[in-house]
Structure formats: C-alpha cells, structure tokens
Amino acid sequence: MAHHAAGQEATAGDFLPRGPLARALLFAVLAIVIGSLVLALWATGGLAKAPDAPPSAPGRPISNELFTVTPHSATVTIDKDKGPEPVLEIRADLVTKVKEPVEFGALNGIIAPSIQPGKARVKSIDVLFERNPEGLYTELQPQVSEKVLLTWPLPKKVAPDSVESVALTIWDAQKTGGFWDERERWGAGEERVGTVEIPVERG
C-alpha cells in the first residue's frame, strides 16, 4: 500500500477553489478590490504627479543635455536697431555642453519665458554676446562660456509697464531627425528642468 510523504509541501494551487466557476468568481472579486484601491489612491492624490519645484531666484545655474544657463536679470526695453517695439531681455551666462555649434533657433522652446502677470509667452529668441553686442552671429560655439543677452519681441497685447517679472523655464533638450531631411536637430523635450523667477527692471 502506498503512503503519502508526511512532509509534502502545499502548492499555490492548493489554496484556490478547485471548481472553475469558483476560481473565476474569486478572480473577479480580487479585480474589483484592486480596482477600488486604485480609484481610492487616485481620488486622494496618491497617483498624482508630484508638483513642480517652486521657481528659484536668479543666479542659479540650470543644466540640460545641451547647455548650462545662469539667468541674472531681466529688462523690458526698446532696441532701436530692431525698431520701435519693446523687447524682453534676459542677461545670463550660457555655455553649451556639446562638441558642435548650436544654432540660436534651437533654443526656441527649450528656453521658454512666461510674462508675469498674465503668463503670456514670447517667441523668436535672439542671442547677443556682451563681448560684441553689435556683431552678427547665428550660433553658439562648442563648450565656450559666454555672457549673453537673450532677447524676444514683447507680444503686442502686453503693455511694457505691466510686466512685473519673467518665469524663465528650461526644458530638457533632445535631438530628433528633421521633417524634410535626416539631419538631427536639437529641440525641447517634455521634462521641465527648472524655472527661475526674474524681477523685471525698466530699461
């Protein structure tokens, strides 16, 4: 006569109902319980994205894959060489981290100012080098630290006297292929690297 081993271990299946209908009901109940827990976490903010860090003060370096920028001050002024329209200027230290020149246009979207109050956004960045502000340049040289003026035309709907500060947000930088050709270009990613709140001086 055969004898069962006294020390035989139980398997996971020994704790489940043996009938297929009973097992299906058990799994359905477990799914409902897990779904309820997930909904409860979502309702209480347990699954919410962590809030962005508060803006930092001017003078703090912010880095992404493409460059390190240290914003210092901001002004709203009129650049007589570009016409009578007011211009937002941000004085900063800027150094690229890559081994090839970077066109100024690549900074659009990666360096993103927001006018306060109102959160109006500006477009069409230009870069002036303090060492030669009258010079005509289109690129940042590889790994060369520059003192720069980052400039944007002020939106027509924004009165210059109403601008109190600028929230300068830096996004991560990614290289992607062009639409018409295979040349890779730098552009803004989806991750916010940091934001600097800069009071605006009158120029």
Protein backbone atom coordinates (compact mmCIF):
# COMPACT_ATOMS: atom_id res chain seq x y z
CA MET A 1 0.00 0.00 0.00
CA ALA A 2 1.37 3.39 -0.97
CA HIS A 3 1.93 6.03 1.69
CA HIS A 4 1.90 9.83 1.18
CA ALA A 5 5.03 11.64 2.34
CA ALA A 6 4.31 13.38 5.63
CA GLY A 7 6.43 16.43 4.71
CA GLN A 8 4.83 17.12 1.28
CA GLU A 9 4.63 20.91 0.76
CA ALA A 10 1.44 22.66 -0.30
CA THR A 11 1.46 24.46 -3.63
CA ALA A 12 -0.19 27.74 -4.51
CA GLY A 13 -2.96 25.88 -6.30
CA ASP A 14 -3.95 24.05 -3.08
CA PHE A 15 -5.28 27.31 -1.63
CA LEU A 16 -7.51 28.12 -4.63
CA PRO A 17 -11.04 26.75 -5.15
CA ARG A 18 -10.98 23.60 -7.25
CA GLY A 19 -14.03 24.36 -9.39
CA PRO A 20 -13.53 26.62 -12.46
CA LEU A 21 -16.61 28.70 -11.62
CA ALA A 22 -15.44 29.29 -8.04
CA ARG A 23 -11.99 30.31 -9.28
CA ALA A 24 -13.50 32.75 -11.80
CA LEU A 25 -15.59 34.34 -9.04
CA LEU A 26 -12.53 34.67 -6.80
CA PHE A 27 -10.51 36.39 -9.52
CA ALA A 28 -13.43 38.75 -10.27
CA VAL A 29 -13.64 39.74 -6.60
CA LEU A 30 -9.87 40.35 -6.46
CA ALA A 31 -10.07 42.54 -9.59
CA ILE A 32 -12.85 44.62 -8.03
CA VAL A 33 -10.88 45.06 -4.79
CA ILE A 34 -7.70 46.10 -6.64
CA GLY A 35 -9.65 48.49 -8.87
CA SER A 36 -11.28 50.08 -5.83
CA LEU A 37 -7.89 50.61 -4.19
CA VAL A 38 -6.51 52.26 -7.34
CA LEU A 39 -9.54 54.57 -7.56
CA ALA A 40 -9.17 55.48 -3.90
CA LEU A 41 -5.50 56.33 -4.40
CA TRP A 42 -6.33 58.45 -7.45
CA ALA A 43 -9.13 60.30 -5.63
CA THR A 44 -6.86 61.15 -2.70
CA GLY A 45 -3.98 62.21 -4.92
CA GLY A 46 -1.88 59.12 -4.30
CA LEU A 47 -1.27 58.65 -8.02
CA ALA A 48 -0.97 62.32 -8.89
CA LYS A 49 2.23 63.62 -10.42
CA ALA A 50 4.49 65.31 -7.91
CA PRO A 51 4.16 69.11 -8.16
CA ASP A 52 6.93 71.03 -9.89
CA ALA A 53 9.53 72.58 -7.65
CA PRO A 54 8.92 76.27 -6.91
CA PRO A 55 10.83 78.78 -9.06
CA SER A 56 14.34 79.58 -7.93
CA ALA A 57 15.96 83.00 -7.65
CA PRO A 58 18.23 84.47 -10.36
CA GLY A 59 21.88 83.43 -10.27
CA ARG A 60 21.26 79.67 -10.05
CA PRO A 61 22.66 77.54 -12.91
CA ILE A 62 20.22 75.26 -14.71
CA SER A 63 21.52 72.45 -16.93
CA ASN A 64 20.09 70.09 -19.50
CA GLU A 65 21.73 67.87 -22.11
CA LEU A 66 22.56 70.83 -24.37
CA PHE A 67 23.71 73.72 -22.18
CA THR A 68 24.04 75.31 -18.76
CA VAL A 69 22.39 78.71 -18.35
CA THR A 70 22.58 81.07 -15.37
CA PRO A 71 19.98 83.86 -15.64
CA HIS A 72 20.82 87.06 -13.75
CA SER A 73 18.40 89.88 -14.62
CA ALA A 74 15.60 90.90 -16.97
CA THR A 75 14.54 94.18 -18.56
CA VAL A 76 11.88 95.41 -20.94
CA THR A 77 13.40 97.96 -23.27
CA ILE A 78 13.35 99.26 -26.83
CA ASP A 79 16.07 98.10 -29.20
CA LYS A 80 16.38 101.00 -31.63
CA ASP A 81 18.28 98.79 -34.09
CA LYS A 82 15.27 96.47 -34.36
CA GLY A 83 12.51 99.06 -34.42
CA PRO A 84 10.17 100.80 -32.00
CA GLU A 85 8.70 97.64 -30.50
CA PRO A 86 9.58 96.76 -26.87
CA VAL A 87 11.90 93.84 -26.28
CA LEU A 88 12.32 91.45 -23.36
CA GLU A 89 16.00 90.99 -22.48
CA ILE A 90 17.43 88.45 -20.06
CA ARG A 91 21.08 88.76 -19.09
CA ALA A 92 22.67 85.36 -18.50
CA ASP A 93 25.78 83.20 -18.60
CA LEU A 94 25.46 80.43 -21.20
CA VAL A 95 27.75 77.55 -22.14
CA THR A 96 26.95 74.62 -24.42
CA LYS A 97 27.86 71.07 -23.45
CA VAL A 98 28.16 69.59 -26.93
CA LYS A 99 31.05 69.46 -29.39
CA GLU A 100 29.30 71.09 -32.35
CA PRO A 101 27.96 74.63 -32.89
CA VAL A 102 24.36 75.24 -31.79
CA GLU A 103 22.10 77.48 -33.87
CA PHE A 104 20.22 80.15 -31.92
CA GLY A 105 16.94 78.81 -33.30
CA ALA A 106 17.48 75.52 -31.46
CA LEU A 107 16.97 77.39 -28.17
CA ASN A 108 13.35 78.23 -29.04
CA GLY A 109 11.09 76.19 -26.79
CA ILE A 110 13.97 74.91 -24.68
CA ILE A 111 14.36 78.35 -23.09
CA ALA A 112 10.75 79.43 -22.53
CA PRO A 113 9.91 82.74 -20.82
CA SER A 114 6.45 83.45 -19.45
CA ILE A 115 5.45 87.07 -18.76
CA GLN A 116 4.04 87.77 -15.31
CA PRO A 117 1.29 88.63 -14.61
CA GLY A 118 -0.81 87.04 -17.31
CA LYS A 119 1.53 84.19 -18.33
CA ALA A 120 1.89 85.49 -21.90
CA ARG A 121 4.57 83.61 -23.80
CA VAL A 122 7.17 85.12 -26.11
CA LYS A 123 8.64 83.65 -29.31
CA SER A 124 11.59 84.08 -31.67
CA ILE A 125 14.65 84.12 -29.45
CA ASP A 126 17.75 86.05 -30.42
CA VAL A 127 21.15 86.00 -28.73
CA LEU A 128 23.60 88.88 -28.33
CA PHE A 129 27.10 88.44 -26.96
CA GLU A 130 28.12 91.05 -24.40
CA ARG A 131 31.70 90.94 -25.69
CA ASN A 132 30.46 92.21 -29.08
CA PRO A 133 26.77 93.20 -28.98
CA GLU A 134 26.94 94.76 -32.45
CA GLY A 135 28.25 91.55 -34.02
CA LEU A 136 26.07 89.38 -36.23
CA TYR A 137 26.08 85.79 -35.02
CA THR A 138 23.79 82.81 -35.59
CA GLU A 139 25.43 80.09 -33.49
CA LEU A 140 26.85 79.29 -30.08
CA GLN A 141 30.35 77.87 -30.29
CA PRO A 142 31.04 74.46 -28.74
CA GLN A 143 31.68 74.48 -24.99
CA VAL A 144 32.51 78.20 -24.91
CA SER A 145 31.16 80.16 -21.94
CA GLU A 146 29.50 83.42 -23.00
CA LYS A 147 27.85 86.34 -21.24
CA VAL A 148 24.74 86.87 -23.33
CA LEU A 149 21.57 88.86 -23.75
CA LEU A 150 18.65 86.57 -24.59
CA THR A 151 16.04 88.70 -26.34
CA TRP A 152 12.45 88.27 -27.53
CA PRO A 153 9.94 90.75 -29.03
CA LEU A 154 7.31 91.56 -26.43
CA PRO A 155 3.83 90.38 -27.52
CA LYS A 156 1.70 93.25 -28.83
CA LYS A 157 -1.05 92.50 -26.32
CA VAL A 158 1.36 93.05 -23.39
CA ALA A 159 1.91 96.62 -22.21
CA PRO A 160 5.58 97.10 -21.24
CA ASP A 161 4.65 98.88 -17.99
CA SER A 162 2.51 95.92 -16.91
CA VAL A 163 5.37 93.40 -16.87
CA GLU A 164 6.47 92.68 -13.31
CA SER A 165 8.58 89.53 -13.71
CA VAL A 166 9.50 86.69 -16.02
CA ALA A 167 9.19 82.99 -15.22
CA LEU A 168 12.03 81.52 -17.27
CA THR A 169 11.52 77.79 -17.73
CA ILE A 170 14.23 75.49 -19.06
CA TRP A 171 13.15 72.20 -20.65
CA ASP A 172 15.23 69.14 -21.37
CA ALA A 173 16.82 69.04 -24.83
CA GLN A 174 16.52 66.18 -27.31
CA LYS A 175 17.98 65.53 -30.74
CA THR A 176 15.48 64.45 -33.38
CA GLY A 177 15.52 63.99 -37.14
CA GLY A 178 14.24 66.72 -39.43
CA PHE A 179 10.91 66.53 -41.27
CA TRP A 180 12.32 67.09 -44.76
CA ASP A 181 15.77 65.58 -44.27
CA GLU A 182 17.61 63.24 -41.94
CA ARG A 183 19.67 65.94 -40.27
CA GLU A 184 19.32 65.79 -36.49
CA ARG A 185 18.34 68.99 -34.70
CA TRP A 186 18.04 69.97 -31.07
CA GLY A 187 14.57 70.62 -29.72
CA ALA A 188 12.60 70.78 -26.48
CA GLY A 189 11.66 67.59 -24.70
CA GLU A 190 8.77 67.04 -22.27
CA GLU A 191 10.59 67.32 -18.95
CA ARG A 192 10.82 70.62 -17.11
CA VAL A 193 14.39 71.01 -15.83
CA GLY A 194 13.90 74.18 -13.77
CA THR A 195 12.28 77.60 -13.57
CA VAL A 196 13.76 80.92 -12.47
CA GLU A 197 11.57 83.85 -11.39
CA ILE A 198 13.27 87.09 -12.50
CA PRO A 199 12.01 90.56 -11.50
CA VAL A 200 11.85 92.92 -14.47
CA GLU A 201 13.81 96.15 -14.39
CA ARG A 202 12.78 99.07 -16.58
CA GLY A 203 15.24 99.88 -19.36
